[in-house]
N, C-alpha and C. Protein backbone atom coordinates (compact mmCIF):
# COMPACT_ATOMS: atom_id res chain seq x y z
N MET A 1 -62.56 -38.18 -103.81
CA MET A 1 -63.12 -37.66 -104.95
C MET A 1 -64.36 -38.17 -105.34
N GLY A 2 -64.56 -39.68 -105.05
CA GLY A 2 -65.73 -40.33 -105.60
C GLY A 2 -67.05 -39.69 -105.06
N THR A 3 -66.95 -39.21 -103.79
CA THR A 3 -68.06 -38.68 -103.19
C THR A 3 -68.52 -37.35 -104.00
N ALA A 4 -67.54 -36.50 -104.17
CA ALA A 4 -67.77 -35.24 -104.98
C ALA A 4 -68.25 -35.48 -106.42
N LEU A 5 -67.66 -36.41 -107.11
CA LEU A 5 -68.20 -36.68 -108.48
C LEU A 5 -69.63 -37.34 -108.37
N THR A 6 -69.97 -38.16 -107.43
CA THR A 6 -71.20 -38.78 -107.30
C THR A 6 -72.14 -37.70 -107.05
N ASP A 7 -71.83 -36.70 -106.12
CA ASP A 7 -72.80 -35.46 -105.80
C ASP A 7 -73.08 -34.71 -106.94
N LEU A 8 -71.97 -34.54 -107.86
CA LEU A 8 -72.25 -33.62 -109.04
C LEU A 8 -73.18 -34.56 -110.04
N VAL A 9 -73.08 -35.61 -110.32
CA VAL A 9 -73.78 -36.40 -111.18
C VAL A 9 -75.39 -36.47 -110.62
N GLY A 10 -75.38 -36.63 -109.28
CA GLY A 10 -76.66 -36.59 -108.75
C GLY A 10 -77.45 -35.22 -108.95
N VAL A 11 -76.80 -34.15 -108.67
CA VAL A 11 -77.40 -32.96 -108.90
C VAL A 11 -77.83 -32.70 -110.52
N THR A 12 -76.96 -33.27 -111.32
CA THR A 12 -77.17 -33.15 -112.85
C THR A 12 -78.47 -33.95 -113.12
N LEU A 13 -78.49 -35.19 -112.53
CA LEU A 13 -79.69 -36.01 -112.87
C LEU A 13 -80.92 -35.30 -112.37
N GLN A 14 -80.85 -34.82 -111.21
CA GLN A 14 -82.00 -34.15 -110.52
C GLN A 14 -82.56 -33.02 -111.51
N GLY A 15 -81.55 -32.14 -111.95
CA GLY A 15 -82.03 -31.08 -112.69
C GLY A 15 -82.51 -31.46 -114.04
N ALA A 16 -82.14 -32.55 -114.63
CA ALA A 16 -82.63 -33.20 -115.85
C ALA A 16 -83.95 -33.75 -115.68
N VAL A 17 -84.22 -34.44 -114.65
CA VAL A 17 -85.47 -35.01 -114.34
C VAL A 17 -86.54 -33.93 -114.10
N GLU A 18 -86.04 -32.77 -113.27
CA GLU A 18 -87.01 -31.79 -113.07
C GLU A 18 -87.38 -30.99 -114.32
N ALA A 19 -86.39 -30.73 -115.21
CA ALA A 19 -86.70 -30.10 -116.55
C ALA A 19 -87.55 -30.92 -117.41
N ALA A 20 -87.15 -32.39 -117.53
CA ALA A 20 -88.21 -33.12 -118.29
C ALA A 20 -89.57 -33.21 -117.87
N THR A 21 -89.69 -33.23 -116.34
CA THR A 21 -91.11 -33.23 -115.75
C THR A 21 -91.79 -31.98 -116.07
N ARG A 22 -91.12 -30.87 -116.05
CA ARG A 22 -91.65 -29.67 -116.33
C ARG A 22 -92.12 -29.55 -117.82
N SER A 23 -91.46 -30.08 -118.57
CA SER A 23 -91.64 -30.05 -120.17
C SER A 23 -92.79 -30.89 -120.37
N ILE A 24 -92.89 -32.05 -119.78
CA ILE A 24 -93.97 -33.03 -120.13
C ILE A 24 -95.30 -32.69 -119.40
N CYS A 25 -95.13 -32.36 -118.13
CA CYS A 25 -96.31 -32.17 -117.29
C CYS A 25 -96.75 -30.67 -117.03
N GLY A 26 -95.89 -29.78 -117.31
CA GLY A 26 -96.18 -28.42 -117.18
C GLY A 26 -96.49 -27.98 -115.67
N ASP A 27 -97.59 -27.29 -115.46
CA ASP A 27 -97.97 -26.98 -114.06
C ASP A 27 -98.89 -27.96 -113.40
N LYS A 28 -99.35 -28.90 -114.25
CA LYS A 28 -100.38 -30.00 -113.59
C LYS A 28 -99.55 -31.14 -113.07
N PRO A 29 -100.29 -31.85 -112.08
CA PRO A 29 -99.49 -33.05 -111.65
C PRO A 29 -99.25 -34.13 -112.57
N CYS A 30 -98.05 -34.75 -112.56
CA CYS A 30 -97.71 -35.83 -113.56
C CYS A 30 -98.54 -37.08 -113.29
N PRO A 31 -98.92 -37.85 -114.14
CA PRO A 31 -99.85 -38.97 -113.91
C PRO A 31 -99.04 -40.18 -113.43
N THR A 32 -97.87 -40.06 -113.11
CA THR A 32 -96.97 -41.24 -112.72
C THR A 32 -95.96 -40.94 -111.52
N ARG A 33 -95.56 -41.86 -110.76
CA ARG A 33 -94.48 -41.62 -109.92
C ARG A 33 -93.25 -42.12 -110.56
N PHE A 34 -92.26 -41.43 -110.24
CA PHE A 34 -90.97 -41.64 -111.02
C PHE A 34 -89.74 -41.65 -109.98
N THR A 35 -88.84 -42.43 -110.18
CA THR A 35 -87.61 -42.41 -109.60
C THR A 35 -86.41 -42.77 -110.41
N VAL A 36 -85.19 -42.27 -110.06
CA VAL A 36 -83.99 -42.66 -110.70
C VAL A 36 -83.06 -43.57 -109.75
N ILE A 37 -82.76 -44.78 -110.29
CA ILE A 37 -81.95 -45.63 -109.36
C ILE A 37 -80.56 -45.71 -109.81
N ALA A 38 -79.53 -45.37 -109.00
CA ALA A 38 -78.19 -45.35 -109.30
C ALA A 38 -77.62 -46.64 -109.02
N LEU A 39 -76.83 -47.07 -110.11
CA LEU A 39 -76.25 -48.52 -110.12
C LEU A 39 -74.76 -48.49 -110.07
N GLY A 40 -74.05 -49.53 -109.93
CA GLY A 40 -72.67 -49.55 -110.11
C GLY A 40 -71.95 -48.52 -109.11
N ARG A 41 -70.86 -47.91 -109.54
CA ARG A 41 -69.97 -47.05 -108.79
C ARG A 41 -70.80 -45.70 -108.56
N LEU A 42 -71.81 -45.28 -109.34
CA LEU A 42 -72.49 -44.21 -108.81
C LEU A 42 -73.34 -44.53 -107.69
N GLY A 43 -74.09 -45.65 -107.51
CA GLY A 43 -74.80 -46.13 -106.60
C GLY A 43 -74.05 -46.36 -105.26
N GLY A 44 -72.66 -46.60 -105.49
CA GLY A 44 -71.76 -46.78 -104.21
C GLY A 44 -70.91 -45.58 -103.92
N SER A 45 -71.31 -44.49 -104.47
CA SER A 45 -70.57 -43.16 -104.32
C SER A 45 -69.05 -43.39 -104.60
N GLU A 46 -68.70 -44.05 -105.58
CA GLU A 46 -67.22 -44.49 -105.84
C GLU A 46 -66.86 -43.99 -107.33
N LEU A 47 -67.58 -42.99 -107.86
CA LEU A 47 -67.23 -42.43 -109.19
C LEU A 47 -65.73 -41.87 -109.33
N GLY A 48 -65.19 -42.24 -110.47
CA GLY A 48 -63.85 -41.73 -110.79
C GLY A 48 -64.06 -40.93 -112.01
N TYR A 49 -62.95 -40.31 -112.55
CA TYR A 49 -63.16 -39.51 -113.75
C TYR A 49 -63.34 -40.43 -115.10
N SER A 50 -63.05 -41.68 -115.02
CA SER A 50 -63.25 -42.40 -116.15
C SER A 50 -64.58 -43.30 -115.98
N SER A 51 -65.39 -43.02 -114.89
CA SER A 51 -66.54 -43.89 -114.57
C SER A 51 -67.76 -43.34 -115.36
N ASP A 52 -68.61 -44.21 -115.87
CA ASP A 52 -69.96 -43.68 -116.38
C ASP A 52 -70.98 -43.68 -115.25
N ALA A 53 -72.07 -43.13 -115.76
CA ALA A 53 -73.21 -43.11 -114.69
C ALA A 53 -74.24 -44.13 -114.99
N ASP A 54 -74.28 -45.25 -114.45
CA ASP A 54 -75.33 -46.26 -114.72
C ASP A 54 -76.51 -45.97 -113.81
N VAL A 55 -77.74 -45.57 -114.55
CA VAL A 55 -78.92 -45.33 -113.96
C VAL A 55 -79.98 -46.17 -114.49
N MET A 56 -80.99 -46.40 -113.77
CA MET A 56 -82.33 -46.97 -114.26
C MET A 56 -83.37 -46.04 -113.85
N PHE A 57 -84.31 -45.74 -114.80
CA PHE A 57 -85.45 -44.83 -114.78
C PHE A 57 -86.49 -45.61 -114.52
N VAL A 58 -87.35 -45.41 -113.45
CA VAL A 58 -88.51 -46.38 -113.19
C VAL A 58 -89.65 -45.43 -112.89
N HIS A 59 -90.87 -45.80 -113.39
CA HIS A 59 -92.10 -45.09 -113.18
C HIS A 59 -93.17 -46.07 -112.98
N ASP A 60 -94.19 -45.57 -112.18
CA ASP A 60 -95.26 -46.50 -111.76
C ASP A 60 -96.56 -45.47 -111.96
N PRO A 61 -97.47 -45.60 -112.79
CA PRO A 61 -98.53 -44.94 -113.15
C PRO A 61 -99.44 -44.74 -111.75
N LEU A 62 -99.95 -43.65 -111.67
CA LEU A 62 -100.91 -43.39 -110.47
C LEU A 62 -102.10 -44.30 -110.60
N PRO A 63 -102.86 -44.71 -109.41
CA PRO A 63 -103.93 -45.59 -109.60
C PRO A 63 -104.91 -44.88 -110.37
N GLY A 64 -105.54 -45.77 -111.50
CA GLY A 64 -106.58 -45.17 -112.38
C GLY A 64 -106.12 -44.51 -113.52
N VAL A 65 -104.77 -44.56 -113.72
CA VAL A 65 -104.17 -43.91 -114.85
C VAL A 65 -103.66 -44.92 -115.76
N ALA A 66 -103.98 -45.00 -117.05
CA ALA A 66 -103.56 -45.95 -118.00
C ALA A 66 -102.07 -45.70 -118.28
N GLU A 67 -101.22 -46.78 -118.61
CA GLU A 67 -99.94 -46.81 -118.91
C GLU A 67 -99.62 -45.76 -120.05
N GLN A 68 -100.43 -45.78 -121.17
CA GLN A 68 -100.31 -44.86 -122.17
C GLN A 68 -100.30 -43.45 -121.73
N GLU A 69 -101.25 -43.01 -120.81
CA GLU A 69 -101.44 -41.94 -120.44
C GLU A 69 -100.30 -41.38 -119.52
N ALA A 70 -99.79 -42.18 -118.67
CA ALA A 70 -98.72 -42.02 -117.72
C ALA A 70 -97.38 -41.89 -118.64
N THR A 71 -97.17 -42.49 -119.62
CA THR A 71 -95.99 -42.34 -120.45
C THR A 71 -96.00 -41.23 -121.47
N GLY A 72 -97.25 -40.90 -121.74
CA GLY A 72 -97.47 -39.94 -122.91
C GLY A 72 -97.16 -40.46 -124.30
N ASP A 73 -97.19 -41.83 -124.41
CA ASP A 73 -96.85 -42.55 -125.64
C ASP A 73 -98.11 -43.14 -126.14
N PRO A 74 -98.49 -42.84 -127.40
CA PRO A 74 -99.80 -43.15 -127.98
C PRO A 74 -99.72 -44.69 -128.41
N ARG A 75 -98.59 -45.29 -128.44
CA ARG A 75 -98.38 -46.67 -128.81
C ARG A 75 -98.75 -47.57 -127.70
N PRO A 76 -99.70 -48.63 -127.80
CA PRO A 76 -99.74 -49.45 -126.82
C PRO A 76 -98.42 -50.46 -126.60
N ARG A 77 -98.15 -50.87 -125.24
CA ARG A 77 -97.01 -51.52 -124.96
C ARG A 77 -97.14 -52.51 -124.04
N SER A 78 -96.60 -53.61 -124.10
CA SER A 78 -96.53 -54.77 -123.03
C SER A 78 -95.50 -54.69 -122.22
N PRO A 79 -95.50 -55.42 -120.94
CA PRO A 79 -94.37 -55.14 -120.09
C PRO A 79 -92.98 -55.79 -120.65
N THR A 80 -93.08 -56.50 -121.73
CA THR A 80 -91.91 -57.02 -122.42
C THR A 80 -91.34 -56.11 -123.56
N THR A 81 -92.07 -55.04 -123.99
CA THR A 81 -91.71 -54.27 -125.04
C THR A 81 -90.62 -53.38 -124.62
N CYS A 82 -89.56 -53.14 -125.46
CA CYS A 82 -88.42 -52.31 -125.24
C CYS A 82 -88.86 -50.90 -125.60
N VAL A 83 -88.40 -49.97 -124.99
CA VAL A 83 -88.63 -48.47 -125.35
C VAL A 83 -87.89 -48.33 -126.54
N GLY A 84 -88.43 -47.48 -127.47
CA GLY A 84 -87.64 -46.98 -128.58
C GLY A 84 -88.41 -47.30 -129.86
C-alpha cells in the first residue's frame, strides 16, 4: 500500500508544481531551477493512510538572475529570512 500512496502523492505534487509554474511563468522559461524533495515516509515510499507528506521545495536562480526576479517577490531577502 505504501508504494501506491507514495505514487499518488508524487503525481499530485507534480501536477501542483506544473500548475504553479504555468501560473507564474506562463509560456516563457522560468528564471529558476526548482525541485521537490520528499522526506520521511514519503521519501522512503512507506506512506500509510495516516501519514503526512513531508516535502521541501528548493530553487536555485539561473546564472545572472537576481533572487528577487527568480522568486517573483519584490521584497529583498537574506538567506536567513523565513518565507511569509
